[in-house]
Amino acid sequence: MREILFSISVCAIITAVFKILVPENQNGKQVRILLSCFFIVSVMNIFGERSISDEFLDIFTVDTAYTDFTDDYEKQVAKEAADSLSRRIEAELIKENIRPEKIYVNVNISENSSISFNEIRLVLGETAEETAERAVEITKKYTGNEIEVYLEEPQ
């Protein structure tokens, strides 16, 4: 209780001193109204649960975890792009009666958000060397010669 009375007294004294120092010119009334508002807000602040400064500081403690979504989004886009390309390559190979066990697509997303495919690895299982070479040729024909295509042994 002492702290509350002390705070109110200090606010009243500061307000009174400023009112005395304000000259009686055309802006004097506006300044006196502002000082009265300051006193009222100070008294309300004393009786309130939280101070105005605490509420003001809450602005700077906003949760900014949304920045982590960028990495998650890029991973999801890379996965979907790789899955889409591998399904298309698989469809092209199946048209030629080549059934791959697995197709791995290496996707790169640059800083300016452009997507590029670096390499494709085909796992064909036990097939003739001739069929494997044809699978690489079909894949390169479908994706272009810029992308490296490798054959891998099944695990």
Protein backbone atom coordinates (compact mmCIF):
# COMPACT_ATOMS: atom_id res chain seq x y z
CA MET A 1 0.00 0.00 0.00
CA ARG A 2 2.89 2.32 0.76
CA GLU A 3 4.32 1.75 -2.70
CA ILE A 4 1.02 2.64 -4.34
CA LEU A 5 0.65 5.86 -2.31
CA PHE A 6 4.28 6.76 -2.97
CA SER A 7 3.86 6.22 -6.72
CA ILE A 8 0.69 8.33 -6.82
CA SER A 9 2.39 11.09 -4.85
CA VAL A 10 5.42 11.12 -7.14
CA CYS A 11 3.17 11.27 -10.25
CA ALA A 12 1.14 14.11 -8.69
CA ILE A 13 4.26 16.10 -7.80
CA ILE A 14 5.80 15.63 -11.26
CA THR A 15 2.52 16.64 -12.92
CA ALA A 16 2.17 19.72 -10.68
CA VAL A 17 5.75 20.83 -11.36
CA PHE A 18 5.28 20.56 -15.10
CA LYS A 19 1.97 22.46 -14.91
CA ILE A 20 3.71 25.29 -13.09
CA LEU A 21 6.50 25.40 -15.67
CA VAL A 22 4.12 25.56 -18.65
CA PRO A 23 3.72 29.15 -19.82
CA GLU A 24 0.29 30.78 -20.23
CA ASN A 25 0.50 31.05 -24.03
CA GLN A 26 -1.86 29.64 -26.64
CA ASN A 27 -0.49 26.09 -26.24
CA GLY A 28 -0.67 26.12 -22.45
CA LYS A 29 -4.13 24.55 -22.26
CA GLN A 30 -3.18 21.68 -24.58
CA VAL A 31 -0.02 20.97 -22.59
CA ARG A 32 -1.99 21.01 -19.31
CA ILE A 33 -4.50 18.53 -20.76
CA LEU A 34 -1.66 16.24 -21.84
CA LEU A 35 -0.12 16.44 -18.37
CA SER A 36 -3.48 15.59 -16.81
CA CYS A 37 -3.78 12.60 -19.14
CA PHE A 38 -0.28 11.51 -18.15
CA PHE A 39 -1.29 11.67 -14.47
CA ILE A 40 -4.48 9.67 -15.07
CA VAL A 41 -2.66 6.99 -17.08
CA SER A 42 0.06 6.78 -14.43
CA VAL A 43 -2.48 6.26 -11.66
CA MET A 44 -4.35 3.66 -13.72
CA ASN A 45 -1.05 1.96 -14.45
CA ILE A 46 -0.26 1.71 -10.75
CA PHE A 47 -3.53 -0.07 -10.02
CA GLY A 48 -3.42 -2.27 -13.13
CA GLU A 49 -1.94 -5.75 -13.13
CA ARG A 50 0.56 -4.98 -15.88
CA SER A 51 2.40 -1.83 -16.66
CA ILE A 52 2.27 -0.12 -20.02
CA SER A 53 5.96 -0.77 -20.50
CA ASP A 54 5.33 -4.53 -20.15
CA GLU A 55 2.63 -4.41 -22.80
CA PHE A 56 4.91 -2.39 -25.05
CA LEU A 57 7.73 -4.91 -24.63
CA ASP A 58 5.38 -7.75 -25.56
CA ILE A 59 5.49 -6.45 -29.13
CA PHE A 60 9.13 -7.51 -29.33
CA THR A 61 8.57 -10.99 -27.90
CA VAL A 62 6.32 -12.22 -30.70
CA ASP A 63 7.00 -15.79 -31.70
CA THR A 64 8.90 -15.77 -34.98
CA ALA A 65 9.08 -19.52 -35.58
CA TYR A 66 7.52 -19.09 -39.02
CA THR A 67 11.00 -18.73 -40.54
CA ASP A 68 11.51 -22.47 -40.10
CA PHE A 69 8.71 -23.13 -42.58
CA THR A 70 10.94 -22.07 -45.46
CA ASP A 71 13.21 -25.09 -45.06
CA ASP A 72 10.25 -27.41 -44.61
CA TYR A 73 8.59 -25.98 -47.70
CA GLU A 74 11.74 -26.38 -49.81
CA LYS A 75 12.12 -30.00 -48.67
CA GLN A 76 8.49 -30.71 -49.54
CA VAL A 77 8.83 -29.07 -52.98
CA ALA A 78 12.03 -31.02 -53.67
CA LYS A 79 10.38 -34.29 -52.64
CA GLU A 80 7.31 -33.66 -54.80
CA ALA A 81 9.44 -32.67 -57.79
CA ALA A 82 11.59 -35.78 -57.43
CA ASP A 83 8.54 -38.04 -57.04
CA SER A 84 6.84 -36.49 -60.05
CA LEU A 85 9.88 -36.89 -62.30
CA SER A 86 10.53 -40.45 -61.12
CA ARG A 87 6.90 -41.42 -61.86
CA ARG A 88 7.17 -39.98 -65.36
CA ILE A 89 10.47 -41.74 -66.04
CA GLU A 90 9.00 -44.98 -64.71
CA ALA A 91 6.02 -44.61 -67.06
CA GLU A 92 8.35 -44.07 -70.02
CA LEU A 93 10.42 -47.12 -69.09
CA ILE A 94 7.34 -49.30 -68.60
CA LYS A 95 6.22 -48.36 -72.14
CA GLU A 96 9.46 -50.04 -73.28
CA ASN A 97 8.85 -53.08 -71.03
CA ILE A 98 11.57 -52.07 -68.56
CA ARG A 99 10.44 -52.25 -64.95
CA PRO A 100 12.73 -50.33 -62.58
CA GLU A 101 12.81 -51.31 -58.90
CA LYS A 102 13.54 -47.75 -57.79
CA ILE A 103 14.35 -44.38 -59.33
CA TYR A 104 16.27 -41.79 -57.29
CA VAL A 105 16.19 -38.17 -58.43
CA ASN A 106 18.59 -35.61 -56.95
CA VAL A 107 16.87 -32.20 -56.79
CA ASN A 108 18.58 -28.87 -56.13
CA ILE A 109 16.69 -25.72 -55.11
CA SER A 110 18.90 -22.65 -55.46
CA GLU A 111 18.76 -19.47 -53.37
CA ASN A 112 16.55 -17.79 -55.97
CA SER A 113 14.12 -20.73 -55.67
CA SER A 114 14.82 -22.29 -59.06
CA ILE A 115 14.56 -26.06 -59.23
CA SER A 116 17.10 -28.17 -61.09
CA PHE A 117 17.68 -31.90 -61.37
CA ASN A 118 21.31 -32.94 -60.95
CA GLU A 119 21.29 -36.69 -61.39
CA ILE A 120 19.05 -39.68 -61.74
CA ARG A 121 19.96 -43.12 -60.41
CA LEU A 122 18.14 -46.14 -61.77
CA VAL A 123 17.89 -49.40 -59.85
CA LEU A 124 16.80 -52.02 -62.37
CA GLY A 125 17.45 -55.27 -60.57
CA GLU A 126 18.74 -58.22 -62.53
CA THR A 127 18.46 -57.21 -66.18
CA ALA A 128 20.60 -57.67 -69.22
CA GLU A 129 23.29 -55.08 -69.86
CA GLU A 130 21.58 -54.22 -73.12
CA THR A 131 18.30 -53.46 -71.30
CA ALA A 132 20.14 -51.32 -68.73
CA GLU A 133 21.81 -49.28 -71.47
CA ARG A 134 18.44 -48.82 -73.17
CA ALA A 135 16.95 -47.64 -69.85
CA VAL A 136 19.68 -45.01 -69.50
CA GLU A 137 19.15 -43.94 -73.11
CA ILE A 138 15.35 -43.60 -72.64
CA THR A 139 15.84 -41.66 -69.42
CA LYS A 140 18.33 -39.26 -71.04
CA LYS A 141 16.03 -38.83 -74.03
CA TYR A 142 13.16 -37.96 -71.69
CA THR A 143 15.11 -35.66 -69.34
CA GLY A 144 17.81 -34.25 -71.57
CA ASN A 145 21.54 -34.83 -71.73
CA GLU A 146 22.35 -32.23 -69.03
CA ILE A 147 21.23 -34.57 -66.27
CA GLU A 148 23.58 -37.42 -65.35
CA VAL A 149 21.94 -40.85 -65.34
CA TYR A 150 23.53 -43.69 -63.38
CA LEU A 151 22.74 -47.34 -62.88
CA GLU A 152 22.87 -48.81 -59.38
CA GLU A 153 22.93 -52.35 -58.18
CA PRO A 154 19.91 -53.42 -56.13
CA GLN A 155 20.53 -53.66 -52.39
